[in-house]
Each structure stands twice: as C-alpha cells, then as structure tokens.
C-alpha cells in the first residue's frame, strides 16, 4: 500500500501532541514484522492499553473431517443456514495452518467491536451494501468489493441490506503480488490494477466517550472478550502504510493472449503459502485455432478453490452462484465433457469468480458436508 494520512497528527512522530486542555493525545505505533514491516501511527484520546476486564470465550478453530479418499469436492454455500452479524454468521468450510475460508450471511450489525489478532482478513462482498467502521475510519462497501483488513484493526460491520461474504482469514499479511511491484513498492505498468483502483477509509469518525465497550479479540486460536472504559474509535488522526482498504473486482483488468493464459495472470493478492485470483469478464484467446476452454491440468503443488460469483461458467455444468469447488493437488481436473468443443469460436466469457490456490492441502470442515454435492467427483465421466 501507499502512504496515507487522516485527521490531526503532530509535525514529528514521537513528540508531544497536546489537546486543548494541555493533556496529551496517546500515540500508538501499529506495525508488522516487529519494526521492519509496514506500519501506521495512531493518536488516541485515551490509552489504547486501558482494559477493565478480560474473559476467555473459547476456541474458534473449526473441527476438520477425517482424511478420506482424495477427490474433487463441490459445496453449495447458499445452503448454509447460519445468519447474524459479520462474526457470528461465519461458517468455516475449508482451511489449513495458513488460512481459513468460509462464508457469512450478514443480516444485522455487530453490537460489539472485533479485532483479529491472528492475521489479516479479506471480506469479499458477493452481494449487499453497508459499511465497515474501523479505528482508521469508515469504509462503505458494495457488491464486488474486496475489503482487506490488517491484523490488529478494531472494526465492526454495519450492513445496510443483507450481505453475503466470502471470508478469507489469513495467518499472515495479505499483499498485492510481488511481481507486479517495483523495488519501491509501486505497482508496475503491466499490473492488472493500480493504486487508483484502491480506496482507504473515507471518513475518520472520532468518539471521545467514556463507558463500557466490549472488543472481541481473536488470538492464539481462541476468542477473548476485552472490556474497555472508553470508545475504541477514539483516534483523532493517523498516518502510515498499514490500514484497511478496498479493491473492487470490476477494476481488475484481465490479461489475455493469442492462446489460453495460465491462472497466475488473474492473481490479485498473496499471503504466506496462498494466492487469491479474480476471474472477470474478458475476451477469449484470439489465435485462429485457439481453444478458449482451459486445458486439463494437474495442480501437483497446490489445491485450487473456486468461489463462483455469477455469470456463465463456461468450463463447468451444474455450478451455481455461491458454489465452491475444490480441486486438490495430486490429481488432474479440467473442463466438463463437451465444453472444450463448445468453447471454440466463442469471443468472450462473462463469468465472475474468486480463486484461492493454497500450497498446503486444504482440509474440509465437518459442517461443510451439509452443503456438499457428493456426486461432483464423477461429473467428468
């Protein structure tokens, strides 16, 4: 990300910054990788360390199913019945030691505040509108937005209408692809998006309020409750490179070629041992003998997960909006029988999907069985 500043801050960091009554605003350095990663400095009305009570709420880590035969899987997430706020409605479906993947059907605002202390999050908005209120300011969201929230950010989601999210909880920092950045961190000309396509918090709202406020903390594989005696959004100003931001999938400019391009050209984000890609409407290959449908391929080093958003999914039949398919490493997968021939001569695809490739095998959460199409493995015959 690039440097950003909001609100009031002193001329020099780590110097006195006084309120009108002569008392000090409280400085907080929030950074990654000790003091060698990206960071921001925030200025609070109250001490960010001031906590009145703590409570252990229990593990949030899902229970995975026992290992079985390696096979392709298909989960229809519209069948998930859990609803509620953006934390309580999360239904994990897959995961490993690097990330957790699930969905949330958000029907109400969060009454308490929330902070993920285990890693970054991506909230992909399948549909719905609303806002994400954070300690850095408020972000409005809409259909197709990737909302990226860095570790340690206090926030809450307030939907204006029912919202379906694909959620990626990473145990590492989420960044743009390294190959699209120069040595100074700026996105290069061949990148399928640039800094103009990104937006940070739109409005810094400061609350200098005393009272009882609860922050639910996710840390060390468990949920914890922290009681504060002041409103957690008491920041009067901040600056730096670490803050929540948004990128809309429609701003991804697809890379095309004379023959079929490999999935990495669709990459949008990366974390430790995984990548996130955006499949958007695009022109097909223009070699006179090109086959637009993807070729059969084996992910010998990675698991491939696709979340289908909308459109005509050219390479597969029986896929619906909200479907998740998992093609594990070690066995080949490819287009549905008949779709290769049917793609020849077609000029474009209107599909919209999010792909997550992991470089450790994904495990299946036990509850995912409730929304699984168990015949999917045999749909190539």
Protein backbone atom coordinates (compact mmCIF):
# COMPACT_ATOMS: atom_id res chain seq x y z
CA UNK A 1 0.00 0.00 0.00
CA UNK A 2 0.96 3.63 -0.23
CA UNK A 3 1.28 6.39 2.38
CA UNK A 4 -1.97 7.86 3.67
CA UNK A 5 -2.88 10.41 6.35
CA UNK A 6 -6.20 11.22 8.01
CA UNK A 7 -7.24 13.58 10.79
CA UNK A 8 -4.86 15.54 13.01
CA UNK A 9 -1.29 14.45 13.69
CA UNK A 10 1.78 16.27 15.08
CA UNK A 11 4.54 17.58 12.83
CA UNK A 12 7.04 14.97 14.07
CA UNK A 13 6.41 11.44 15.27
CA UNK A 14 7.11 10.53 18.91
CA UNK A 15 6.77 14.15 20.04
CA UNK A 16 4.23 15.84 22.29
CA UNK A 17 0.75 16.22 20.78
CA UNK A 18 -1.47 18.14 23.15
CA UNK A 19 -5.21 18.52 23.46
CA UNK A 20 -6.81 21.91 24.06
CA UNK A 21 -6.68 21.32 27.83
CA UNK A 22 -2.93 20.66 27.72
CA UNK A 23 -3.08 16.91 28.24
CA UNK A 24 -1.52 14.54 25.72
CA UNK A 25 -3.07 12.51 22.98
CA UNK A 26 -1.79 8.93 23.24
CA UNK A 27 0.45 7.71 20.43
CA UNK A 28 0.22 4.09 19.20
CA UNK A 29 2.66 2.57 16.70
CA UNK A 30 0.95 -0.31 14.92
CA UNK A 31 3.24 -2.32 12.67
CA UNK A 32 4.07 -5.70 11.20
CA UNK A 33 7.23 -7.82 11.41
CA UNK A 34 8.40 -6.09 14.56
CA UNK A 35 9.52 -2.66 13.41
CA UNK A 36 10.66 -3.69 9.93
CA UNK A 37 7.29 -4.13 8.15
CA UNK A 38 4.52 -1.76 7.17
CA UNK A 39 3.20 0.41 9.98
CA UNK A 40 0.94 3.30 10.91
CA UNK A 41 0.93 5.65 13.89
CA UNK A 42 -2.40 6.48 15.53
CA UNK A 43 -3.26 9.17 18.08
CA UNK A 44 -5.93 8.38 20.69
CA UNK A 45 -7.91 10.39 23.21
CA UNK A 46 -7.42 7.54 25.68
CA UNK A 47 -4.78 4.92 26.39
CA UNK A 48 -5.25 2.04 23.91
CA UNK A 49 -3.85 -0.25 26.62
CA UNK A 50 -6.62 0.58 29.11
CA UNK A 51 -8.65 -2.63 29.68
CA UNK A 52 -11.05 -3.13 32.60
CA UNK A 53 -11.71 -6.88 32.28
CA UNK A 54 -10.83 -9.92 30.20
CA UNK A 55 -12.61 -13.21 29.57
CA UNK A 56 -11.69 -16.33 27.62
CA UNK A 57 -14.53 -17.24 25.24
CA UNK A 58 -13.15 -20.47 23.78
CA UNK A 59 -11.54 -21.78 20.61
CA UNK A 60 -12.77 -20.56 17.24
CA UNK A 61 -10.80 -23.11 15.22
CA UNK A 62 -13.09 -25.46 13.27
CA UNK A 63 -13.11 -29.23 13.51
CA UNK A 64 -11.96 -30.87 10.29
CA UNK A 65 -13.23 -34.13 8.86
CA UNK A 66 -11.09 -37.28 8.94
CA UNK A 67 -8.88 -37.93 5.94
CA UNK A 68 -10.57 -39.92 3.18
CA UNK A 69 -10.07 -40.62 -0.50
CA UNK A 70 -8.62 -37.65 -2.40
CA UNK A 71 -11.37 -36.33 -4.64
CA UNK A 72 -12.78 -33.18 -6.16
CA UNK A 73 -15.39 -31.51 -3.97
CA UNK A 74 -18.34 -29.15 -4.56
CA UNK A 75 -20.04 -27.14 -1.80
CA UNK A 76 -23.16 -25.04 -2.35
CA UNK A 77 -22.80 -22.22 0.15
CA UNK A 78 -26.30 -20.86 -0.41
CA UNK A 79 -27.36 -23.87 1.66
CA UNK A 80 -25.59 -22.56 4.74
CA UNK A 81 -28.34 -21.55 7.14
CA UNK A 82 -26.30 -19.61 9.69
CA UNK A 83 -27.17 -15.88 9.76
CA UNK A 84 -26.44 -12.95 12.05
CA UNK A 85 -23.68 -10.39 12.39
CA UNK A 86 -20.37 -10.50 10.50
CA UNK A 87 -18.67 -12.52 13.23
CA UNK A 88 -21.45 -14.81 14.45
CA UNK A 89 -22.62 -15.78 10.96
CA UNK A 90 -19.21 -17.02 9.80
CA UNK A 91 -19.33 -20.62 8.62
CA UNK A 92 -15.88 -22.04 8.01
CA UNK A 93 -15.78 -24.59 5.20
CA UNK A 94 -12.10 -25.22 4.50
CA UNK A 95 -8.73 -24.34 5.95
CA UNK A 96 -5.21 -25.28 6.94
CA UNK A 97 -2.43 -23.79 9.06
CA UNK A 98 -2.13 -20.79 6.70
CA UNK A 99 -5.74 -19.65 6.34
CA UNK A 100 -9.42 -20.31 6.97
CA UNK A 101 -12.05 -19.96 4.23
CA UNK A 102 -15.78 -19.60 4.75
CA UNK A 103 -18.84 -17.51 4.13
CA UNK A 104 -21.02 -15.20 6.18
CA UNK A 105 -24.62 -14.15 5.60
CA UNK A 106 -24.81 -10.84 7.43
CA UNK A 107 -28.32 -9.79 8.43
CA UNK A 108 -27.55 -7.50 11.36
CA UNK A 109 -24.90 -5.11 12.60
CA UNK A 110 -22.25 -6.04 15.13
CA UNK A 111 -23.22 -4.91 18.62
CA UNK A 112 -19.68 -5.27 19.93
CA UNK A 113 -16.34 -4.48 18.33
CA UNK A 114 -13.97 -7.05 16.88
CA UNK A 115 -10.23 -7.39 16.34
CA UNK A 116 -8.40 -10.24 14.64
CA UNK A 117 -5.03 -10.62 16.34
CA UNK A 118 -4.10 -13.78 14.43
CA UNK A 119 -3.83 -12.30 10.93
CA UNK A 120 -5.28 -10.27 8.07
CA UNK A 121 -8.77 -10.75 6.63
CA UNK A 122 -10.38 -10.39 3.22
CA UNK A 123 -14.13 -9.85 3.12
CA UNK A 124 -15.28 -10.38 -0.48
CA UNK A 125 -18.76 -8.90 -0.90
CA UNK A 126 -20.84 -11.23 -3.09
CA UNK A 127 -23.89 -9.01 -2.66
CA UNK A 128 -25.19 -6.37 -0.29
CA UNK A 129 -24.21 -2.88 0.84
CA UNK A 130 -23.16 -1.38 4.12
CA UNK A 131 -20.16 -0.02 5.94
CA UNK A 132 -17.16 -1.25 7.87
CA UNK A 133 -16.45 1.05 10.80
CA UNK A 134 -12.81 0.87 11.91
CA UNK A 135 -10.35 2.61 14.20
CA UNK A 136 -8.85 4.09 11.00
CA UNK A 137 -12.19 5.41 9.76
CA UNK A 138 -15.28 4.21 7.94
CA UNK A 139 -15.33 2.30 4.65
CA UNK A 140 -18.51 1.83 2.62
CA UNK A 141 -18.81 -1.46 0.75
CA UNK A 142 -20.83 -2.82 -2.14
CA UNK A 143 -21.08 -5.75 -4.50
CA UNK A 144 -17.72 -7.00 -5.76
CA UNK A 145 -15.59 -5.27 -3.12
CA UNK A 146 -12.60 -6.99 -1.58
CA UNK A 147 -12.30 -5.38 1.87
CA UNK A 148 -8.78 -6.03 3.21
CA UNK A 149 -8.45 -5.60 6.99
CA UNK A 150 -4.96 -5.79 8.53
CA UNK A 151 -4.18 -7.69 11.71
CA UNK A 152 -4.97 -5.83 14.92
CA UNK A 153 -7.59 -3.49 13.43
CA UNK A 154 -10.64 -2.93 15.62
CA UNK A 155 -13.75 -2.88 13.45
CA UNK A 156 -17.41 -3.72 13.11
CA UNK A 157 -19.61 -4.37 10.07
CA UNK A 158 -22.91 -2.50 9.78
CA UNK A 159 -24.96 -3.76 6.79
CA UNK A 160 -27.49 -1.52 5.07
CA UNK A 161 -29.00 -4.61 3.46
CA UNK A 162 -28.43 -8.35 3.79
CA UNK A 163 -24.85 -9.10 2.76
CA UNK A 164 -23.21 -12.34 1.60
CA UNK A 165 -19.45 -12.50 2.10
CA UNK A 166 -16.70 -14.89 1.12
CA UNK A 167 -14.23 -14.66 4.00
CA UNK A 168 -10.51 -15.41 3.97
CA UNK A 169 -8.82 -15.30 7.37
CA UNK A 170 -5.07 -15.38 6.83
CA UNK A 171 -2.44 -16.13 9.45
CA UNK A 172 -0.05 -13.88 7.53
CA UNK A 173 -0.06 -10.45 5.92
CA UNK A 174 -2.07 -10.10 2.71
CA UNK A 175 -0.39 -8.03 -0.02
CA UNK A 176 -0.55 -7.35 -3.74
CA UNK A 177 1.56 -9.75 -5.88
CA UNK A 178 5.26 -9.05 -5.56
CA UNK A 179 5.88 -9.45 -9.33
CA UNK A 180 3.56 -6.50 -10.02
CA UNK A 181 5.53 -4.10 -7.76
CA UNK A 182 8.84 -2.36 -8.38
CA UNK A 183 11.62 -2.11 -5.79
CA UNK A 184 9.92 0.95 -4.28
CA UNK A 185 6.57 -0.80 -3.81
CA UNK A 186 4.72 0.98 -6.63
CA UNK A 187 2.53 -1.14 -8.90
CA UNK A 188 4.07 -1.56 -12.35
CA UNK A 189 2.58 -0.75 -15.75
CA UNK A 190 1.88 -4.41 -16.56
CA UNK A 191 -0.09 -4.89 -13.33
CA UNK A 192 -3.82 -5.59 -13.93
CA UNK A 193 -4.68 -2.86 -11.40
CA UNK A 194 -3.03 0.19 -9.85
CA UNK A 195 -3.21 2.43 -6.80
CA UNK A 196 -6.04 4.48 -8.35
CA UNK A 197 -8.25 1.40 -8.05
CA UNK A 198 -7.75 1.18 -4.28
CA UNK A 199 -9.55 3.17 -1.66
CA UNK A 200 -8.91 3.51 2.04
CA UNK A 201 -11.16 4.78 4.82
CA UNK A 202 -13.40 7.56 3.57
CA UNK A 203 -14.19 9.35 6.83
CA UNK A 204 -12.47 9.41 10.21
CA UNK A 205 -15.12 9.49 12.94
CA UNK A 206 -13.75 10.18 16.41
CA UNK A 207 -15.63 9.25 19.60
CA UNK A 208 -14.31 10.73 22.86
CA UNK A 209 -16.68 8.74 25.05
CA UNK A 210 -16.30 7.02 28.41
CA UNK A 211 -18.42 3.98 29.24
CA UNK A 212 -18.44 0.21 28.87
CA UNK A 213 -17.39 -1.18 25.48
CA UNK A 214 -16.54 -4.74 24.53
CA UNK A 215 -13.93 -5.77 21.98
CA UNK A 216 -13.93 -9.43 20.93
CA UNK A 217 -10.33 -10.42 20.21
CA UNK A 218 -9.32 -13.35 18.02
CA UNK A 219 -5.87 -14.50 19.10
CA UNK A 220 -3.91 -17.74 19.50
CA UNK A 221 -6.74 -19.78 18.04
CA UNK A 222 -9.34 -18.55 20.52
CA UNK A 223 -11.81 -15.73 21.13
CA UNK A 224 -11.36 -13.39 24.08
CA UNK A 225 -13.51 -10.57 25.47
CA UNK A 226 -11.81 -7.33 26.47
CA UNK A 227 -13.75 -4.66 28.34
CA UNK A 228 -12.78 -1.05 27.66
CA UNK A 229 -13.77 2.04 29.64
CA UNK A 230 -13.76 4.20 26.52
CA UNK A 231 -14.99 4.02 22.92
CA UNK A 232 -12.38 2.15 20.81
CA UNK A 233 -12.81 4.59 17.90
CA UNK A 234 -11.17 7.47 19.77
CA UNK A 235 -8.49 8.14 17.12
CA UNK A 236 -8.11 11.81 16.14
CA UNK A 237 -5.55 11.16 13.41
CA UNK A 238 -3.15 8.65 11.91
CA UNK A 239 -0.65 8.21 9.11
CA UNK A 240 1.33 5.39 7.54
CA UNK A 241 1.11 2.41 5.23
CA UNK A 242 -0.97 -0.01 7.33
CA UNK A 243 -4.76 0.47 7.19
CA UNK A 244 -7.89 -1.23 5.81
CA UNK A 245 -8.52 -0.77 2.12
CA UNK A 246 -10.86 -1.85 -0.67
CA UNK A 247 -10.41 -3.09 -4.23
CA UNK A 248 -13.41 -3.86 -6.42
CA UNK A 249 -13.21 -6.92 -8.64
CA UNK A 250 -14.63 -4.94 -11.60
CA UNK A 251 -11.47 -2.81 -11.55
CA UNK A 252 -9.32 -5.84 -12.32
CA UNK A 253 -8.15 -5.54 -15.94
CA UNK A 254 -7.77 -9.08 -17.34
CA UNK A 255 -4.63 -10.12 -19.17
CA UNK A 256 -5.43 -12.01 -22.37
CA UNK A 257 -3.37 -13.54 -25.18
CA UNK A 258 -3.46 -15.35 -28.52
CA UNK A 259 -3.66 -18.66 -26.67
CA UNK A 260 -5.04 -19.59 -23.25
CA UNK A 261 -3.33 -17.77 -20.39
CA UNK A 262 -2.47 -19.62 -17.13
CA UNK A 263 -4.30 -18.81 -13.87
CA UNK A 264 -1.47 -16.68 -12.37
CA UNK A 265 -2.37 -13.82 -14.75
CA UNK A 266 -5.53 -13.43 -12.65
CA UNK A 267 -3.68 -13.04 -9.35
CA UNK A 268 -4.86 -10.19 -7.14
CA UNK A 269 -3.49 -10.90 -3.63
CA UNK A 270 -0.96 -13.13 -1.96
CA UNK A 271 -0.28 -14.36 1.56
CA UNK A 272 2.06 -16.95 3.02
CA UNK A 273 1.53 -20.16 1.03
CA UNK A 274 -1.58 -18.96 -0.86
CA UNK A 275 -2.77 -16.61 -3.59
CA UNK A 276 -6.16 -15.07 -4.44
CA UNK A 277 -7.15 -14.55 -8.10
CA UNK A 278 -10.02 -12.72 -9.82
CA UNK A 279 -11.71 -14.26 -12.87
CA UNK A 280 -13.61 -11.45 -14.56
CA UNK A 281 -15.44 -10.96 -17.89
CA UNK A 282 -12.81 -10.93 -20.63
CA UNK A 283 -12.16 -11.55 -24.31
CA UNK A 284 -11.14 -15.05 -25.27
CA UNK A 285 -7.90 -16.08 -26.95
CA UNK A 286 -7.52 -14.78 -30.49
CA UNK A 287 -5.23 -17.30 -32.19
CA UNK A 288 -7.26 -18.62 -35.17
CA UNK A 289 -7.04 -22.17 -33.81
CA UNK A 290 -7.27 -21.32 -30.10
CA UNK A 291 -9.34 -23.38 -27.67
CA UNK A 292 -10.76 -20.89 -25.15
CA UNK A 293 -11.73 -23.51 -22.55
CA UNK A 294 -8.99 -24.23 -20.00
CA UNK A 295 -6.88 -27.29 -20.64
CA UNK A 296 -6.85 -30.28 -18.30
CA UNK A 297 -4.17 -29.72 -15.73
CA UNK A 298 -2.72 -31.17 -12.54
CA UNK A 299 -2.04 -28.99 -9.52
CA UNK A 300 0.92 -31.01 -8.35
CA UNK A 301 1.90 -28.49 -5.68
CA UNK A 302 -1.33 -26.69 -4.81
CA UNK A 303 -5.01 -27.06 -4.04
CA UNK A 304 -7.34 -24.95 -6.20
CA UNK A 305 -10.55 -23.50 -4.79
CA UNK A 306 -13.06 -21.54 -6.88
CA UNK A 307 -15.91 -19.44 -5.48
CA UNK A 308 -18.43 -18.80 -8.27
CA UNK A 309 -19.98 -15.34 -8.10
CA UNK A 310 -22.11 -15.04 -11.22
CA UNK A 311 -22.20 -15.40 -15.00
CA UNK A 312 -21.97 -18.30 -17.43
CA UNK A 313 -19.35 -20.69 -16.07
CA UNK A 314 -18.08 -21.84 -19.43
CA UNK A 315 -15.96 -24.78 -18.31
CA UNK A 316 -18.40 -26.40 -15.86
CA UNK A 317 -22.00 -27.57 -15.75
CA UNK A 318 -24.05 -27.88 -12.58
CA UNK A 319 -22.37 -24.91 -10.91
CA UNK A 320 -24.48 -22.27 -9.19
CA UNK A 321 -23.89 -18.83 -7.72
CA UNK A 322 -22.19 -19.31 -4.39
CA UNK A 323 -20.74 -22.70 -5.33
CA UNK A 324 -17.28 -23.59 -4.07
CA UNK A 325 -15.29 -26.23 -5.92
CA UNK A 326 -12.09 -27.75 -4.57
CA UNK A 327 -9.63 -29.44 -6.93
CA UNK A 328 -6.91 -30.93 -4.71
CA UNK A 329 -3.28 -31.40 -5.61
CA UNK A 330 -2.14 -34.72 -6.98
CA UNK A 331 -4.98 -35.41 -9.43
CA UNK A 332 -5.92 -33.66 -12.70
CA UNK A 333 -9.01 -31.58 -13.35
CA UNK A 334 -10.33 -29.64 -16.30
CA UNK A 335 -13.39 -28.60 -18.26
CA UNK A 336 -16.65 -30.52 -18.17
CA UNK A 337 -17.10 -33.04 -21.03
CA UNK A 338 -18.29 -31.23 -24.15
CA UNK A 339 -17.34 -27.72 -23.01
CA UNK A 340 -13.97 -27.77 -24.79
CA UNK A 341 -15.61 -28.23 -28.21
CA UNK A 342 -18.40 -25.79 -27.34
CA UNK A 343 -15.90 -23.03 -26.49
CA UNK A 344 -14.26 -22.99 -29.94
CA UNK A 345 -15.13 -19.83 -31.83
CA UNK A 346 -16.57 -18.03 -28.77
CA UNK A 347 -15.40 -14.44 -28.35
CA UNK A 348 -15.77 -13.72 -24.63
CA UNK A 349 -16.74 -15.02 -21.24
CA UNK A 350 -18.94 -13.20 -18.73
CA UNK A 351 -18.05 -15.33 -15.72
CA UNK A 352 -17.10 -13.81 -12.38
CA UNK A 353 -15.29 -15.92 -9.78
CA UNK A 354 -12.71 -15.77 -6.99
CA UNK A 355 -9.97 -18.39 -6.94
CA UNK A 356 -7.77 -19.33 -3.98
CA UNK A 357 -4.74 -21.53 -4.54
CA UNK A 358 -3.06 -22.93 -1.42
CA UNK A 359 0.38 -24.53 -1.31
CA UNK A 360 -0.55 -26.76 1.60
CA UNK A 361 -3.51 -29.15 1.29
CA UNK A 362 -6.86 -27.75 2.36
CA UNK A 363 -8.82 -29.63 5.00
CA UNK A 364 -12.61 -29.82 4.96
CA UNK A 365 -14.59 -28.57 7.96
CA UNK A 366 -17.06 -31.19 9.20
CA UNK A 367 -20.10 -28.91 8.75
CA UNK A 368 -19.29 -28.48 5.04
CA UNK A 369 -20.73 -31.95 4.48
CA UNK A 370 -24.21 -30.46 4.98
CA UNK A 371 -23.95 -28.44 1.73
CA UNK A 372 -21.87 -30.83 -0.39
CA UNK A 373 -22.70 -32.22 -3.82
CA UNK A 374 -21.20 -35.67 -3.26
CA UNK A 375 -21.52 -36.67 -6.93
CA UNK A 376 -19.17 -33.94 -8.16
CA UNK A 377 -16.09 -36.18 -8.42
CA UNK A 378 -17.82 -38.30 -11.06
CA UNK A 379 -19.12 -35.49 -13.31
CA UNK A 380 -16.26 -35.91 -15.81
CA UNK A 381 -17.48 -39.34 -16.95
